[in-house]
Every structure is written in C-alpha cells, then in structure tokens.
Amino acid sequence: MAFPVFQPPKPALLKRARAMRRAMTEAETRLWHALLRRLPAYHFRRQVPIGAFIADFCCYRGRLVIEVDGNQHGLDEARARDARRTAILESEGFRVVRFSNAEVFSAIDSVLDTILAHLEGRAD
C-alpha cells in the first residue's frame, strides 16, 4: 500500500501533536529526559507528526522512530494496527523501535543502549 508519508501534516494533526506534547505519559516523559541527557547529539523530537501518524519520538538524522507502548498495545487489534503503521514507516525509510512502559521504568539504561545501537547501525 503506497502512502505519502512526507505530505505536510493536516492542521488537526498538528494541533493533536501539540496537545500530546503537553500531556505526555509518565513513561514518555522519563524517556524524553533521558534522551535529552544521554543522546543530545541526535536531536530527537517528541510527538512528531509523520504522514497520518504521530510518533512518540523521532530522530530524523538517524531515520529512527521510537514508540513507548502501554498495556493496550498488547491487544490483538492494537498489535495489528501497530504492525501496519510500522510497515508504512519502514517503507518510507524509518526504523521503528518499540519499548513497553515497563521497560522504560525498569531498564532505562538498556533502552538507551538499544536506541544508540540502532542509531549507530549496530542493531539487528
């Protein structure tokens, strides 16, 4: 399925992304601060409109999208939706890495190491 990811986002999507930046989850906030502190050279953006989606975090330079998923992403319907979204982003040259809220809270160093490995091309 062809999907033009890099069309300018619609105003409603921009408005929603701004609202999501003001109301990030606790896990997103924790990862955001860790990214700023430990990986500042990669210039991450948060709650980024990409095509019809809003990515939790994106590093354009590294073509990396990071998603922080809560429990609802474990449901079959959500997993299928996430897989479609990932396929579209990957078809546009992004790599998508997903972490659970639990991983962010219990193993932030490991999460950051995994992100860095993807950015440096050392990840599978």
Protein backbone atom coordinates (compact mmCIF):
# COMPACT_ATOMS: atom_id res chain seq x y z
CA MET A 1 0.00 0.00 0.00
CA ALA A 2 1.59 3.30 -1.08
CA PHE A 3 1.29 6.08 1.43
CA PRO A 4 2.80 9.55 1.03
CA VAL A 5 4.35 9.99 4.47
CA PHE A 6 6.00 13.32 3.81
CA GLN A 7 2.98 15.37 2.85
CA PRO A 8 2.56 18.34 5.19
CA PRO A 9 0.52 17.26 8.22
CA LYS A 10 -3.05 18.46 8.42
CA PRO A 11 -3.74 21.26 10.93
CA ALA A 12 -5.82 18.94 13.11
CA LEU A 13 -2.88 16.51 13.39
CA LEU A 14 -0.51 19.35 14.32
CA LYS A 15 -2.95 20.50 16.99
CA ARG A 16 -3.24 16.96 18.38
CA ALA A 17 0.57 16.56 18.43
CA ARG A 18 0.94 19.82 20.39
CA ALA A 19 -1.68 18.63 22.89
CA MET A 20 0.11 15.27 23.22
CA ARG A 21 3.42 17.06 23.94
CA ARG A 22 1.75 18.87 26.82
CA ALA A 23 0.21 15.65 28.17
CA MET A 24 2.92 13.02 27.70
CA THR A 25 2.64 9.85 29.73
CA GLU A 26 5.00 9.33 32.65
CA ALA A 27 6.99 6.77 30.64
CA GLU A 28 7.28 9.14 27.65
CA THR A 29 8.42 11.96 29.92
CA ARG A 30 11.04 9.76 31.52
CA LEU A 31 12.41 8.62 28.15
CA TRP A 32 12.35 12.18 26.78
CA HIS A 33 14.51 13.46 29.63
CA ALA A 34 16.87 10.51 29.27
CA LEU A 35 17.23 11.14 25.53
CA LEU A 36 17.99 14.81 26.14
CA ARG A 37 20.52 13.98 28.83
CA ARG A 38 22.29 10.98 27.28
CA LEU A 39 21.88 11.38 23.48
CA PRO A 40 21.67 15.13 22.83
CA ALA A 41 23.72 14.99 19.62
CA TYR A 42 20.99 13.01 17.83
CA HIS A 43 18.34 15.73 18.18
CA PHE A 44 15.18 13.81 18.97
CA ARG A 45 11.75 15.32 18.55
CA ARG A 46 8.74 14.27 20.57
CA GLN A 47 5.16 13.69 19.46
CA VAL A 48 6.11 14.20 15.81
CA PRO A 49 3.54 14.18 13.01
CA ILE A 50 4.79 11.90 10.23
CA GLY A 51 2.23 11.47 7.49
CA ALA A 52 -1.02 10.47 9.15
CA PHE A 53 0.72 9.33 12.35
CA ILE A 54 2.14 10.92 15.46
CA ALA A 55 5.35 9.21 16.51
CA ASP A 56 6.24 9.32 20.19
CA PHE A 57 9.86 10.22 19.32
CA CYS A 58 11.74 10.65 16.07
CA CYS A 59 15.36 11.21 15.13
CA TYR A 60 15.27 12.35 11.50
CA ARG A 61 19.06 12.18 11.19
CA GLY A 62 19.06 8.53 12.22
CA ARG A 63 15.72 7.77 10.48
CA LEU A 64 14.56 6.23 13.76
CA VAL A 65 11.08 6.29 15.29
CA ILE A 66 10.69 5.25 18.92
CA GLU A 67 7.35 4.19 20.33
CA VAL A 68 6.58 3.76 24.03
CA ASP A 69 3.66 1.38 24.39
CA GLY A 70 1.28 0.88 27.27
CA ASN A 71 -0.66 -2.30 28.05
CA GLN A 72 -3.33 -1.56 25.42
CA HIS A 73 -0.76 -2.30 22.68
CA GLY A 74 -0.77 -5.96 23.67
CA LEU A 75 -4.32 -6.47 22.40
CA ASP A 76 -4.66 -8.22 19.02
CA GLU A 77 -6.32 -5.25 17.31
CA ALA A 78 -3.69 -2.82 18.60
CA ARG A 79 -0.84 -5.14 17.57
CA ALA A 80 -2.28 -5.36 14.05
CA ARG A 81 -2.64 -1.56 13.86
CA ASP A 82 0.93 -1.11 15.16
CA ALA A 83 2.23 -3.60 12.57
CA ARG A 84 0.53 -1.69 9.71
CA ARG A 85 1.88 1.60 11.00
CA THR A 86 5.39 0.16 11.35
CA ALA A 87 5.26 -1.26 7.81
CA ILE A 88 4.28 2.13 6.39
CA LEU A 89 7.02 3.98 8.29
CA GLU A 90 9.61 1.35 7.31
CA SER A 91 8.56 1.64 3.66
CA GLU A 92 9.48 5.32 3.93
CA GLY A 93 12.96 4.53 5.27
CA PHE A 94 12.39 4.74 9.02
CA ARG A 95 13.29 2.06 11.52
CA VAL A 96 10.73 1.66 14.29
CA VAL A 97 11.73 0.54 17.78
CA ARG A 98 9.11 -0.20 20.40
CA PHE A 99 9.52 -0.30 24.17
CA SER A 100 6.93 -1.01 26.81
CA ASN A 101 6.26 1.40 29.63
CA ALA A 102 7.67 -1.27 31.97
CA GLU A 103 10.98 -1.34 30.06
CA VAL A 104 11.30 2.43 30.30
CA PHE A 105 10.68 2.36 34.05
CA SER A 106 12.74 -0.69 34.95
CA ALA A 107 15.61 -0.65 32.42
CA ILE A 108 16.11 2.86 31.04
CA ASP A 109 19.84 2.27 30.52
CA SER A 110 19.13 -0.80 28.40
CA VAL A 111 16.50 1.14 26.44
CA LEU A 112 19.01 3.91 25.71
CA ASP A 113 21.70 1.38 24.76
CA THR A 114 19.28 -0.22 22.29
CA ILE A 115 18.39 3.17 20.81
CA LEU A 116 22.06 4.07 20.45
CA ALA A 117 22.78 0.72 18.78
CA HIS A 118 20.07 1.45 16.19
CA LEU A 119 21.43 4.94 15.60
CA GLU A 120 24.96 3.63 15.14
CA GLY A 121 23.86 0.77 12.89
CA ARG A 122 24.84 -1.94 15.39
CA ALA A 123 21.33 -3.30 15.96
CA ASP A 124 19.81 -6.31 14.19
